[in-house]
């Protein structure tokens, strides 16, 4: 669908209400009308403003603790409490780091519920709710809203490699179906499709799509996106190692893996960046860089879970196909933790 094509709404009992579909030659009047309504509806506008104001800084891409193959609810509750006490600015349950691919729907929902209940509104909870099936993404997004998540993180559909138009309609359908703040997740290295600058610019016009997590690995991409979207559109880095450059290009924060085990340092790093004190941020970056690398020395999140176990936060247990960390990997992680001052 081009920008000058119209879209209408249909109902599909096998999907959800209000899915966007093409209609013919009648130029996008209905769609524009609905987006205009969303933008001016007082409750939705207030919700989006609050979310935009709160979502920034160091946002932890939470691991999901397991015990004997099951979700360890007590460990997760303690972990959320520790994260907040350490100064973390936000939480993302059931992202890739949370092993969402190995969780069934009920397990996915349960992790979100535990996280929201434990956070108690003290920091924003951005629930992972993406899927390569639009109907499933809507279902997960509805659940996140229903249990009180502040926003959702919605990944570009993986494996089926949609076109840019398919990406636009996927995210627009989610936004149309559920009035919760949505952060796009652009990670071509895992999804094998990249949300283009032009598509992000289009999606930024949808009232409840409020930002993007950029894990393209390109610092230049941060500036290209910034030039194409409204100033209020949130841009979050998705890679700890390049977060310093991303923040210098106008980023608002980082959804961080390293913050699982170094939340205070990651929060201090982000606070320095947001204040424009890049000299202080660089000093923290130098301290953490070996750890950023070590946490991906083998398939994630095995290194991060092992690091968390060294701090007594949870067991190092992951679910297949993620393997336990090798002895060499353990040495690498331990050395990086010591270098960062997190272990003696």
Protein backbone atom coordinates (compact mmCIF):
# COMPACT_ATOMS: atom_id res chain seq x y z
CA UNK A 1 0.00 0.00 0.00
CA UNK A 2 1.37 3.42 -0.98
CA UNK A 3 0.74 6.51 1.15
CA UNK A 4 -1.96 7.63 -1.31
CA UNK A 5 -3.95 4.41 -1.06
CA UNK A 6 -6.93 4.09 1.21
CA UNK A 7 -7.38 1.63 4.03
CA UNK A 8 -10.52 0.45 5.69
CA UNK A 9 -11.24 -1.80 8.60
CA UNK A 10 -12.56 -5.32 8.60
CA UNK A 11 -13.50 -7.80 11.29
CA UNK A 12 -12.10 -11.29 11.25
CA UNK A 13 -13.28 -13.75 13.87
CA UNK A 14 -10.02 -15.66 13.49
CA UNK A 15 -7.95 -12.55 14.06
CA UNK A 16 -9.15 -9.52 16.02
CA UNK A 17 -11.39 -6.54 15.34
CA UNK A 18 -10.19 -3.56 13.34
CA UNK A 19 -7.39 -4.99 11.25
CA UNK A 20 -6.21 -2.64 8.52
CA UNK A 21 -6.80 -3.83 4.96
CA UNK A 22 -6.56 -2.17 1.56
CA UNK A 23 -9.75 -0.88 -0.02
CA UNK A 24 -9.48 0.60 -3.50
CA UNK A 25 -9.10 4.04 -4.88
CA UNK A 26 -10.61 6.08 -2.06
CA UNK A 27 -7.44 7.75 -0.65
CA UNK A 28 -6.64 7.18 3.07
CA UNK A 29 -9.50 9.29 4.50
CA UNK A 30 -10.82 6.72 6.96
CA UNK A 31 -7.37 5.79 8.24
CA UNK A 32 -6.38 9.43 8.66
CA UNK A 33 -9.66 10.11 10.46
CA UNK A 34 -9.06 7.26 12.91
CA UNK A 35 -5.45 8.27 13.57
CA UNK A 36 -6.57 11.87 14.06
CA UNK A 37 -9.16 10.68 16.58
CA UNK A 38 -6.53 8.67 18.43
CA UNK A 39 -4.19 11.64 18.52
CA UNK A 40 -6.85 13.94 19.95
CA UNK A 41 -8.70 11.53 22.26
CA UNK A 42 -7.86 12.94 25.72
CA UNK A 43 -7.29 9.66 27.56
CA UNK A 44 -5.08 8.16 24.89
CA UNK A 45 -3.14 11.38 24.45
CA UNK A 46 -2.54 11.58 28.20
CA UNK A 47 -1.37 7.96 28.34
CA UNK A 48 1.09 8.51 25.48
CA UNK A 49 2.47 11.68 27.08
CA UNK A 50 3.05 9.96 30.42
CA UNK A 51 4.79 7.04 28.71
CA UNK A 52 7.00 9.34 26.67
CA UNK A 53 8.03 11.26 29.78
CA UNK A 54 8.91 8.12 31.77
CA UNK A 55 10.65 5.95 29.20
CA UNK A 56 14.31 6.89 29.13
CA UNK A 57 17.66 5.97 30.63
CA UNK A 58 18.78 2.46 31.54
CA UNK A 59 16.03 -0.05 30.81
CA UNK A 60 16.91 -3.65 31.65
CA UNK A 61 16.11 -6.41 29.16
CA UNK A 62 15.30 -8.83 31.96
CA UNK A 63 16.43 -12.43 32.10
CA UNK A 64 13.75 -14.93 33.11
CA UNK A 65 14.93 -17.03 36.08
CA UNK A 66 14.17 -20.75 35.86
CA UNK A 67 14.24 -23.47 38.50
CA UNK A 68 14.14 -27.08 37.32
CA UNK A 69 12.66 -26.02 34.00
CA UNK A 70 9.89 -23.82 35.41
CA UNK A 71 9.68 -20.05 35.83
CA UNK A 72 11.14 -19.13 39.22
CA UNK A 73 8.57 -16.54 40.27
CA UNK A 74 10.22 -15.76 43.61
CA UNK A 75 13.60 -15.19 42.00
CA UNK A 76 12.00 -12.93 39.38
CA UNK A 77 10.24 -10.87 42.03
CA UNK A 78 13.50 -10.46 43.97
CA UNK A 79 15.33 -9.61 40.79
CA UNK A 80 12.87 -6.84 39.88
CA UNK A 81 13.13 -5.44 43.40
CA UNK A 82 16.94 -5.46 43.21
CA UNK A 83 16.90 -3.79 39.80
CA UNK A 84 14.75 -0.92 41.05
CA UNK A 85 16.82 -0.53 44.24
CA UNK A 86 19.95 -0.31 42.09
CA UNK A 87 18.54 2.61 40.11
CA UNK A 88 17.26 0.97 36.91
CA UNK A 89 14.93 3.33 35.04
CA UNK A 90 12.70 0.73 33.35
CA UNK A 91 12.13 -2.98 32.76
CA UNK A 92 11.52 -5.12 29.69
CA UNK A 93 10.23 -8.61 30.52
CA UNK A 94 10.02 -11.38 27.89
CA UNK A 95 12.27 -9.92 25.26
CA UNK A 96 14.85 -12.15 23.60
CA UNK A 97 17.04 -11.92 26.71
CA UNK A 98 14.03 -13.17 28.67
CA UNK A 99 13.95 -16.28 26.47
CA UNK A 100 10.57 -15.45 25.02
CA UNK A 101 11.02 -17.96 22.16
CA UNK A 102 11.02 -20.83 24.68
CA UNK A 103 7.99 -19.64 26.67
CA UNK A 104 4.48 -20.78 25.82
CA UNK A 105 1.72 -18.18 25.88
CA UNK A 106 0.80 -18.75 29.50
CA UNK A 107 4.44 -18.61 30.56
CA UNK A 108 4.94 -15.40 28.60
CA UNK A 109 1.89 -13.84 30.20
CA UNK A 110 2.92 -14.97 33.66
CA UNK A 111 6.33 -13.31 33.41
CA UNK A 112 4.70 -10.03 32.41
CA UNK A 113 2.21 -10.31 35.26
CA UNK A 114 4.95 -11.00 37.83
CA UNK A 115 7.05 -8.11 36.59
CA UNK A 116 4.19 -5.60 36.60
CA UNK A 117 3.09 -6.67 40.09
CA UNK A 118 6.62 -6.51 41.47
CA UNK A 119 7.42 -3.13 39.90
CA UNK A 120 4.31 -1.56 41.49
CA UNK A 121 4.45 1.38 39.12
CA UNK A 122 7.82 2.59 40.39
CA UNK A 123 9.42 2.26 36.96
CA UNK A 124 7.82 1.71 33.57
CA UNK A 125 7.35 -1.87 32.42
CA UNK A 126 7.67 -2.33 28.65
CA UNK A 127 6.41 -5.83 27.97
CA UNK A 128 7.78 -7.85 25.08
CA UNK A 129 4.77 -8.52 22.87
CA UNK A 130 6.12 -9.15 19.40
CA UNK A 131 5.46 -12.00 16.99
CA UNK A 132 5.82 -12.80 13.32
CA UNK A 133 2.05 -13.38 13.25
CA UNK A 134 0.09 -10.16 13.54
CA UNK A 135 -2.82 -11.84 15.32
CA UNK A 136 -0.51 -13.30 17.97
CA UNK A 137 1.24 -9.96 18.48
CA UNK A 138 -2.14 -8.33 19.05
CA UNK A 139 -3.09 -11.03 21.55
CA UNK A 140 0.13 -10.52 23.53
CA UNK A 141 -0.29 -6.75 23.36
CA UNK A 142 -3.87 -6.97 24.65
CA UNK A 143 -2.71 -9.06 27.58
CA UNK A 144 0.10 -6.62 28.43
CA UNK A 145 -2.33 -3.72 28.49
CA UNK A 146 -4.83 -5.72 30.54
CA UNK A 147 -2.37 -6.50 33.32
CA UNK A 148 -1.04 -2.96 33.57
CA UNK A 149 2.13 -2.79 31.48
CA UNK A 150 3.07 0.79 30.63
CA UNK A 151 4.04 0.00 27.03
CA UNK A 152 5.00 -2.88 24.77
CA UNK A 153 8.06 -3.68 22.71
CA UNK A 154 7.03 -5.02 19.30
CA UNK A 155 9.71 -6.70 17.19
CA UNK A 156 9.85 -6.72 13.39
CA UNK A 157 8.33 -10.03 12.23
CA UNK A 158 11.11 -12.59 11.97
CA UNK A 159 11.67 -15.46 9.53
CA UNK A 160 8.80 -14.65 7.16
CA UNK A 161 10.60 -11.51 5.88
CA UNK A 162 7.73 -9.14 5.11
CA UNK A 163 8.07 -6.19 2.74
CA UNK A 164 8.20 -2.65 4.10
CA UNK A 165 4.49 -2.36 3.37
CA UNK A 166 3.91 -5.58 5.29
CA UNK A 167 5.89 -4.19 8.22
CA UNK A 168 3.86 -0.99 8.17
CA UNK A 169 0.53 -2.80 8.13
CA UNK A 170 1.66 -5.25 10.85
CA UNK A 171 2.53 -2.50 13.31
CA UNK A 172 -0.40 -0.29 12.30
CA UNK A 173 -2.79 -3.19 12.92
CA UNK A 174 -1.40 -3.71 16.42
CA UNK A 175 -1.67 0.00 17.16
CA UNK A 176 -5.23 0.07 15.83
CA UNK A 177 -6.27 -2.92 17.93
CA UNK A 178 -4.78 -1.92 21.30
CA UNK A 179 -4.41 1.62 22.64
CA UNK A 180 -1.16 1.12 24.54
CA UNK A 181 2.15 2.88 23.83
CA UNK A 182 4.17 0.80 21.36
CA UNK A 183 7.93 0.81 20.87
CA UNK A 184 9.10 -0.73 17.62
CA UNK A 185 12.05 -3.12 17.77
CA UNK A 186 14.37 -2.94 14.77
CA UNK A 187 16.85 -5.83 14.94
CA UNK A 188 17.75 -7.06 11.45
CA UNK A 189 20.46 -9.37 12.79
CA UNK A 190 17.79 -11.59 14.38
CA UNK A 191 14.63 -10.85 12.39
CA UNK A 192 16.41 -10.83 8.99
CA UNK A 193 14.39 -7.79 7.97
CA UNK A 194 15.11 -4.14 8.70
CA UNK A 195 12.48 -1.48 9.31
CA UNK A 196 13.58 1.27 6.95
CA UNK A 197 13.91 4.93 7.91
CA UNK A 198 10.97 5.69 5.64
CA UNK A 199 8.75 3.05 7.28
CA UNK A 200 9.64 4.27 10.77
CA UNK A 201 8.77 7.81 9.66
CA UNK A 202 5.34 6.57 8.53
CA UNK A 203 4.76 4.61 11.72
CA UNK A 204 5.80 7.60 13.85
CA UNK A 205 2.61 9.31 12.64
CA UNK A 206 0.48 6.66 14.37
CA UNK A 207 -0.60 8.12 17.71
CA UNK A 208 0.37 5.25 20.00
CA UNK A 209 3.61 4.23 18.28
CA UNK A 210 5.93 6.31 20.42
CA UNK A 211 9.45 5.10 19.73
CA UNK A 212 11.92 2.55 18.44
CA UNK A 213 14.55 0.30 19.93
CA UNK A 214 17.40 0.36 17.41
CA UNK A 215 19.61 -2.71 17.34
CA UNK A 216 20.89 -2.18 13.80
CA UNK A 217 24.41 -1.57 15.15
CA UNK A 218 24.69 1.60 13.08
CA UNK A 219 25.24 4.82 15.00
CA UNK A 220 24.58 6.74 11.78
CA UNK A 221 21.12 5.17 11.68
CA UNK A 222 20.31 7.01 14.91
CA UNK A 223 20.79 10.35 13.17
CA UNK A 224 18.91 9.29 10.06
CA UNK A 225 15.91 8.23 12.16
CA UNK A 226 16.11 11.42 14.22
CA UNK A 227 15.91 13.54 11.09
CA UNK A 228 12.83 11.65 9.87
CA UNK A 229 10.63 11.52 12.99
CA UNK A 230 9.03 14.05 15.35
CA UNK A 231 11.22 15.32 18.16
CA UNK A 232 9.04 13.55 20.74
CA UNK A 233 9.60 10.12 19.13
CA UNK A 234 11.71 8.03 21.55
CA UNK A 235 14.87 6.40 20.22
CA UNK A 236 16.43 3.72 22.41
CA UNK A 237 19.67 1.88 21.73
CA UNK A 238 19.49 -1.91 21.63
CA UNK A 239 23.21 -2.59 21.94
CA UNK A 240 25.24 -1.83 25.08
CA UNK A 241 28.56 -1.53 23.28
CA UNK A 242 27.41 1.24 20.94
CA UNK A 243 25.12 3.05 23.41
CA UNK A 244 27.60 5.87 24.03
CA UNK A 245 27.66 6.85 20.36
CA UNK A 246 23.91 6.36 20.05
CA UNK A 247 23.25 8.69 22.97
CA UNK A 248 25.57 11.30 21.47
CA UNK A 249 23.38 11.10 18.35
CA UNK A 250 20.33 12.09 20.39
CA UNK A 251 19.20 8.82 21.96
CA UNK A 252 16.96 8.71 25.03
CA UNK A 253 18.28 5.51 26.61
CA UNK A 254 19.25 1.89 26.14
CA UNK A 255 17.38 -1.38 26.54
CA UNK A 256 20.32 -3.10 28.11
CA UNK A 257 21.49 -6.68 28.62
CA UNK A 258 24.43 -5.64 30.80
CA UNK A 259 22.05 -3.89 33.20
CA UNK A 260 20.94 -7.33 34.38
CA UNK A 261 24.19 -7.62 36.34
CA UNK A 262 25.49 -4.03 36.50
CA UNK A 263 22.29 -1.99 36.95
CA UNK A 264 23.86 0.79 39.01
CA UNK A 265 26.70 1.36 36.57
CA UNK A 266 24.34 1.26 33.57
CA UNK A 267 21.98 3.73 35.26
CA UNK A 268 24.87 6.06 36.08
CA UNK A 269 26.11 5.78 32.49
CA UNK A 270 22.72 6.72 31.09
CA UNK A 271 22.22 9.53 33.57
CA UNK A 272 25.58 11.01 32.54
CA UNK A 273 24.64 10.76 28.86
CA UNK A 274 21.26 12.41 29.41
CA UNK A 275 23.00 15.27 31.22
CA UNK A 276 25.46 15.65 28.35
CA UNK A 277 28.41 14.61 30.53
CA UNK A 278 30.02 12.34 27.97
CA UNK A 279 33.40 12.39 29.73
CA UNK A 280 31.84 10.69 32.76
CA UNK A 281 29.90 8.35 30.48
CA UNK A 282 33.10 7.40 28.65
CA UNK A 283 34.79 6.44 31.91
CA UNK A 284 31.91 4.07 32.73
CA UNK A 285 31.87 2.77 29.15
CA UNK A 286 35.55 1.84 29.41
CA UNK A 287 34.87 0.01 32.66
CA UNK A 288 31.92 -1.92 31.22
CA UNK A 289 33.07 -2.66 27.68
CA UNK A 290 34.75 -6.01 28.54
CA UNK A 291 31.49 -7.06 30.21
CA UNK A 292 29.38 -5.94 27.23
CA UNK A 293 31.48 -8.27 25.09
CA UNK A 294 31.63 -11.13 27.59
CA UNK A 295 27.85 -11.34 27.91
CA UNK A 296 27.74 -12.38 24.25
CA UNK A 297 30.74 -14.71 24.29
CA UNK A 298 28.24 -17.55 23.74
CA UNK A 299 24.54 -17.69 22.92
CA UNK A 300 22.60 -15.15 24.99
CA UNK A 301 21.34 -15.20 27.68
CA UNK A 302 23.56 -18.03 28.98
CA UNK A 303 26.49 -15.69 29.83
CA UNK A 304 24.17 -13.18 31.52
CA UNK A 305 22.45 -15.87 33.57
CA UNK A 306 25.81 -17.23 34.68
CA UNK A 307 26.91 -13.70 35.65
CA UNK A 308 23.67 -13.25 37.61
CA UNK A 309 24.28 -16.55 39.39
CA UNK A 310 27.71 -15.31 40.50
CA UNK A 311 25.89 -12.45 42.23
CA UNK A 312 23.44 -14.87 43.88
CA UNK A 313 20.49 -13.50 41.92
CA UNK A 314 19.24 -16.68 40.28
CA UNK A 315 20.33 -20.03 38.92
CA UNK A 316 22.27 -20.02 35.62
CA UNK A 317 19.60 -22.28 34.11
CA UNK A 318 18.41 -21.63 30.55
CA UNK A 319 16.11 -23.57 28.26
CA UNK A 320 17.17 -25.44 25.15
CA UNK A 321 18.30 -24.66 22.56
CA UNK A 322 20.39 -22.30 24.73
CA UNK A 323 23.19 -24.36 26.22
CA UNK A 324 24.79 -23.86 29.65
CA UNK A 325 27.89 -21.71 29.49
CA UNK A 326 31.12 -23.58 28.73
CA UNK A 327 34.05 -23.53 31.14
CA UNK A 328 35.90 -21.12 28.86
CA UNK A 329 32.81 -18.91 28.74
CA UNK A 330 32.59 -18.94 32.53
CA UNK A 331 36.19 -17.78 32.79
CA UNK A 332 35.52 -14.99 30.30
CA UNK A 333 32.45 -13.77 32.17
CA UNK A 334 34.06 -13.99 35.59
CA UNK A 335 37.10 -12.02 34.41
CA UNK A 336 34.88 -9.30 32.93
CA UNK A 337 32.83 -9.09 36.13
CA UNK A 338 36.03 -8.68 38.12
CA UNK A 339 37.33 -6.05 35.69
CA UNK A 340 34.11 -4.05 36.15
CA UNK A 341 34.44 -4.25 39.93
CA UNK A 342 31.37 -6.45 40.34
CA UNK A 343 33.29 -9.40 41.78
CA UNK A 344 36.44 -9.64 43.83
